[in-house]
Amino acid sequence: MELLDESNEGELLDGPVRPGTIRIILADSQAIYRVGIRKIFALEDDIRVVAQADSLDNLRSALERHPADGALRYDGTRRSSRAAAGCRSA
């Protein structure tokens, strides 16, 4: 499976990020969950989805490619918590 990053090279998934904006990577195997959460976050001025992933491996890749403040994975397994700990600030 490939990383579900719909952005162009260097462009964030949900538009430009202002200072103080929380950058999130969504991860879940269920596309309907990712779409729903992304739509909810789109209503917030201070949250931007910077990437999406459909597997743990793709989440790791997204963490390496996209500066993020957090990663949200629905199932909450310990493995996803360890991967999310790799988030970094830009």
N, C-alpha and C. Protein backbone atom coordinates (compact mmCIF):
# COMPACT_ATOMS: atom_id res chain seq x y z
N MET A 1 0.84 -1.18 0.00
CA MET A 1 0.00 0.00 0.00
C MET A 1 0.88 1.24 0.00
N GLU A 2 0.35 2.32 -0.52
CA GLU A 2 1.13 3.54 -0.58
C GLU A 2 0.61 4.57 0.41
N LEU A 3 1.46 5.52 0.72
CA LEU A 3 1.09 6.61 1.59
C LEU A 3 -0.03 7.40 0.93
N LEU A 4 -1.07 7.67 1.67
CA LEU A 4 -2.24 8.36 1.12
C LEU A 4 -2.08 9.87 1.30
N ASP A 5 -1.10 10.40 0.65
CA ASP A 5 -0.79 11.83 0.72
C ASP A 5 -1.29 12.47 -0.56
N GLU A 6 -2.35 13.25 -0.46
CA GLU A 6 -2.97 13.83 -1.65
C GLU A 6 -2.35 15.17 -2.04
N SER A 7 -1.31 15.57 -1.35
CA SER A 7 -0.73 16.88 -1.63
C SER A 7 0.29 16.81 -2.75
N ASN A 8 0.57 17.97 -3.34
CA ASN A 8 1.65 18.09 -4.31
C ASN A 8 2.96 18.16 -3.54
N GLU A 9 4.07 18.10 -4.25
CA GLU A 9 5.39 18.15 -3.62
C GLU A 9 5.51 19.36 -2.70
N GLY A 10 5.75 19.12 -1.42
CA GLY A 10 5.98 20.21 -0.47
C GLY A 10 4.73 20.95 -0.03
N GLU A 11 3.56 20.59 -0.53
CA GLU A 11 2.32 21.27 -0.19
C GLU A 11 1.58 20.46 0.87
N LEU A 12 1.02 21.12 1.86
CA LEU A 12 0.30 20.43 2.91
C LEU A 12 -1.08 20.00 2.42
N LEU A 13 -1.58 18.93 3.00
CA LEU A 13 -2.84 18.34 2.58
C LEU A 13 -4.01 19.31 2.68
N ASP A 14 -4.13 20.03 3.77
CA ASP A 14 -5.27 20.93 3.97
C ASP A 14 -4.88 22.40 3.94
N GLY A 15 -3.91 22.76 3.12
CA GLY A 15 -3.57 24.15 2.93
C GLY A 15 -2.43 24.63 3.82
N PRO A 16 -2.14 25.93 3.73
CA PRO A 16 -1.01 26.49 4.46
C PRO A 16 -1.23 26.44 5.97
N VAL A 17 -0.13 26.40 6.69
CA VAL A 17 -0.18 26.33 8.14
C VAL A 17 0.29 27.65 8.73
N ARG A 18 -0.56 28.24 9.56
CA ARG A 18 -0.20 29.48 10.24
C ARG A 18 0.55 29.14 11.53
N PRO A 19 1.32 30.08 12.06
CA PRO A 19 2.00 29.83 13.33
C PRO A 19 0.99 29.45 14.41
N GLY A 20 1.33 28.47 15.21
CA GLY A 20 0.44 28.01 16.27
C GLY A 20 -0.55 26.95 15.83
N THR A 21 -0.57 26.60 14.56
CA THR A 21 -1.48 25.58 14.04
C THR A 21 -0.97 24.19 14.42
N ILE A 22 -1.87 23.33 14.81
CA ILE A 22 -1.53 21.95 15.15
C ILE A 22 -1.54 21.13 13.87
N ARG A 23 -0.43 20.45 13.58
CA ARG A 23 -0.30 19.64 12.37
C ARG A 23 -0.51 18.17 12.75
N ILE A 24 -1.46 17.52 12.07
CA ILE A 24 -1.87 16.16 12.40
C ILE A 24 -1.67 15.23 11.21
N ILE A 25 -1.25 14.00 11.50
CA ILE A 25 -1.25 12.93 10.51
C ILE A 25 -2.33 11.94 10.92
N LEU A 26 -3.26 11.65 10.02
CA LEU A 26 -4.32 10.67 10.28
C LEU A 26 -3.89 9.30 9.79
N ALA A 27 -4.13 8.29 10.60
CA ALA A 27 -3.76 6.93 10.21
C ALA A 27 -4.86 5.96 10.61
N ASP A 28 -5.35 5.23 9.64
CA ASP A 28 -6.31 4.16 9.89
C ASP A 28 -6.52 3.40 8.60
N SER A 29 -6.82 2.13 8.70
CA SER A 29 -7.04 1.33 7.49
C SER A 29 -8.39 1.64 6.84
N GLN A 30 -9.30 2.26 7.59
CA GLN A 30 -10.63 2.56 7.08
C GLN A 30 -10.67 3.98 6.52
N ALA A 31 -10.84 4.09 5.21
CA ALA A 31 -10.87 5.40 4.55
C ALA A 31 -12.01 6.27 5.08
N ILE A 32 -13.15 5.67 5.37
CA ILE A 32 -14.30 6.46 5.83
C ILE A 32 -14.00 7.16 7.15
N TYR A 33 -13.23 6.51 8.01
CA TYR A 33 -12.83 7.13 9.27
C TYR A 33 -11.91 8.32 9.00
N ARG A 34 -10.90 8.13 8.14
CA ARG A 34 -9.96 9.21 7.84
C ARG A 34 -10.68 10.40 7.21
N VAL A 35 -11.59 10.14 6.29
CA VAL A 35 -12.33 11.22 5.63
C VAL A 35 -13.19 11.97 6.64
N GLY A 36 -13.86 11.25 7.50
CA GLY A 36 -14.72 11.89 8.50
C GLY A 36 -13.95 12.76 9.47
N ILE A 37 -12.85 12.24 9.99
CA ILE A 37 -12.04 13.01 10.93
C ILE A 37 -11.43 14.22 10.23
N ARG A 38 -10.98 14.03 9.00
CA ARG A 38 -10.40 15.15 8.25
C ARG A 38 -11.44 16.27 8.05
N LYS A 39 -12.68 15.90 7.77
CA LYS A 39 -13.74 16.91 7.61
C LYS A 39 -14.01 17.65 8.91
N ILE A 40 -13.96 16.95 10.01
CA ILE A 40 -14.15 17.59 11.32
C ILE A 40 -13.01 18.57 11.58
N PHE A 41 -11.77 18.12 11.35
CA PHE A 41 -10.62 19.00 11.57
C PHE A 41 -10.64 20.20 10.63
N ALA A 42 -11.19 20.05 9.44
CA ALA A 42 -11.25 21.16 8.48
C ALA A 42 -12.09 22.32 9.01
N LEU A 43 -12.98 22.05 9.95
CA LEU A 43 -13.81 23.10 10.55
C LEU A 43 -13.04 23.95 11.55
N GLU A 44 -11.88 23.48 11.96
CA GLU A 44 -11.08 24.18 12.96
C GLU A 44 -9.99 25.01 12.29
N ASP A 45 -9.83 26.24 12.72
CA ASP A 45 -8.82 27.13 12.14
C ASP A 45 -7.41 26.78 12.58
N ASP A 46 -7.28 26.11 13.73
CA ASP A 46 -5.95 25.87 14.29
C ASP A 46 -5.48 24.42 14.17
N ILE A 47 -6.13 23.62 13.32
CA ILE A 47 -5.72 22.23 13.09
C ILE A 47 -5.64 21.99 11.59
N ARG A 48 -4.54 21.38 11.13
CA ARG A 48 -4.35 21.03 9.72
C ARG A 48 -3.91 19.58 9.62
N VAL A 49 -4.56 18.85 8.73
CA VAL A 49 -4.13 17.48 8.41
C VAL A 49 -3.03 17.60 7.37
N VAL A 50 -1.83 17.12 7.71
CA VAL A 50 -0.70 17.24 6.79
C VAL A 50 -0.47 15.97 5.98
N ALA A 51 -1.03 14.83 6.42
CA ALA A 51 -0.89 13.58 5.67
C ALA A 51 -1.88 12.56 6.22
N GLN A 52 -2.12 11.53 5.42
CA GLN A 52 -2.94 10.40 5.84
C GLN A 52 -2.19 9.11 5.51
N ALA A 53 -2.42 8.08 6.30
CA ALA A 53 -1.78 6.79 6.05
C ALA A 53 -2.78 5.68 6.33
N ASP A 54 -2.68 4.60 5.55
CA ASP A 54 -3.61 3.49 5.72
C ASP A 54 -2.99 2.27 6.41
N SER A 55 -1.74 2.40 6.86
CA SER A 55 -1.08 1.30 7.57
C SER A 55 -0.01 1.87 8.50
N LEU A 56 0.47 1.03 9.39
CA LEU A 56 1.50 1.47 10.32
C LEU A 56 2.79 1.82 9.58
N ASP A 57 3.16 1.03 8.59
CA ASP A 57 4.36 1.35 7.80
C ASP A 57 4.22 2.70 7.11
N ASN A 58 3.05 2.97 6.56
CA ASN A 58 2.83 4.26 5.90
C ASN A 58 2.80 5.41 6.90
N LEU A 59 2.34 5.12 8.11
CA LEU A 59 2.39 6.14 9.16
C LEU A 59 3.84 6.50 9.46
N ARG A 60 4.69 5.51 9.57
CA ARG A 60 6.11 5.78 9.81
C ARG A 60 6.69 6.64 8.68
N SER A 61 6.36 6.31 7.44
CA SER A 61 6.84 7.10 6.30
C SER A 61 6.32 8.53 6.37
N ALA A 62 5.05 8.69 6.72
CA ALA A 62 4.47 10.03 6.83
C ALA A 62 5.16 10.84 7.92
N LEU A 63 5.49 10.18 9.03
CA LEU A 63 6.18 10.87 10.12
C LEU A 63 7.56 11.36 9.68
N GLU A 64 8.20 10.61 8.81
CA GLU A 64 9.51 11.01 8.30
C GLU A 64 9.40 12.15 7.29
N ARG A 65 8.35 12.14 6.48
CA ARG A 65 8.20 13.11 5.38
C ARG A 65 7.55 14.42 5.76
N HIS A 66 6.66 14.40 6.76
CA HIS A 66 5.85 15.57 7.07
C HIS A 66 6.06 16.01 8.52
N PRO A 67 6.45 17.25 8.73
CA PRO A 67 6.51 17.76 10.10
C PRO A 67 5.10 17.72 10.70
N ALA A 68 4.98 17.12 11.88
CA ALA A 68 3.66 17.00 12.50
C ALA A 68 3.79 17.14 14.01
N ASP A 69 2.74 17.65 14.62
CA ASP A 69 2.69 17.77 16.07
C ASP A 69 2.08 16.54 16.70
N GLY A 70 1.34 15.76 15.91
CA GLY A 70 0.72 14.56 16.43
C GLY A 70 0.21 13.66 15.32
N ALA A 71 -0.01 12.41 15.69
CA ALA A 71 -0.60 11.45 14.76
C ALA A 71 -1.81 10.84 15.45
N LEU A 72 -2.88 10.68 14.71
CA LEU A 72 -4.11 10.12 15.26
C LEU A 72 -4.39 8.80 14.56
N ARG A 73 -4.37 7.73 15.34
CA ARG A 73 -4.69 6.40 14.81
C ARG A 73 -5.82 5.85 15.65
N TYR A 74 -6.89 5.45 15.02
CA TYR A 74 -8.13 5.09 15.70
C TYR A 74 -8.00 3.90 16.64
N ASP A 75 -7.30 2.84 16.23
CA ASP A 75 -7.34 1.62 17.04
C ASP A 75 -6.56 1.73 18.34
N GLY A 76 -5.67 2.71 18.47
CA GLY A 76 -5.00 2.96 19.73
C GLY A 76 -4.07 1.86 20.22
N THR A 77 -3.50 1.08 19.32
CA THR A 77 -2.60 0.02 19.75
C THR A 77 -1.30 0.61 20.27
N ARG A 78 -0.56 -0.16 21.02
CA ARG A 78 0.73 0.31 21.54
C ARG A 78 1.70 0.61 20.40
N ARG A 79 1.63 -0.17 19.31
CA ARG A 79 2.53 0.06 18.18
C ARG A 79 2.30 1.45 17.60
N SER A 80 1.03 1.85 17.46
CA SER A 80 0.77 3.17 16.87
C SER A 80 1.21 4.28 17.83
N SER A 81 1.11 4.03 19.14
CA SER A 81 1.55 5.03 20.10
C SER A 81 3.06 5.25 19.99
N ARG A 82 3.81 4.17 19.79
CA ARG A 82 5.26 4.30 19.63
C ARG A 82 5.58 5.06 18.35
N ALA A 83 4.85 4.78 17.27
CA ALA A 83 5.09 5.48 16.02
C ALA A 83 4.78 6.96 16.17
N ALA A 84 3.71 7.29 16.86
CA ALA A 84 3.31 8.67 17.02
C ALA A 84 4.33 9.44 17.86
N ALA A 85 5.08 8.74 18.69
CA ALA A 85 6.09 9.40 19.51
C ALA A 85 7.19 9.98 18.64
N GLY A 86 7.26 9.57 17.38
CA GLY A 86 8.27 10.08 16.46
C GLY A 86 7.93 11.43 15.85
N CYS A 87 6.79 12.02 16.21
CA CYS A 87 6.40 13.34 15.69
C CYS A 87 7.42 14.38 16.09
N ARG A 88 7.60 15.36 15.24
CA ARG A 88 8.59 16.38 15.50
C ARG A 88 8.05 17.75 15.08
N SER A 89 8.65 18.78 15.59
CA SER A 89 8.29 20.14 15.20
C SER A 89 9.21 20.59 14.08
N ALA A 90 8.71 21.46 13.23
CA ALA A 90 9.53 21.99 12.13
C ALA A 90 10.08 23.34 12.50
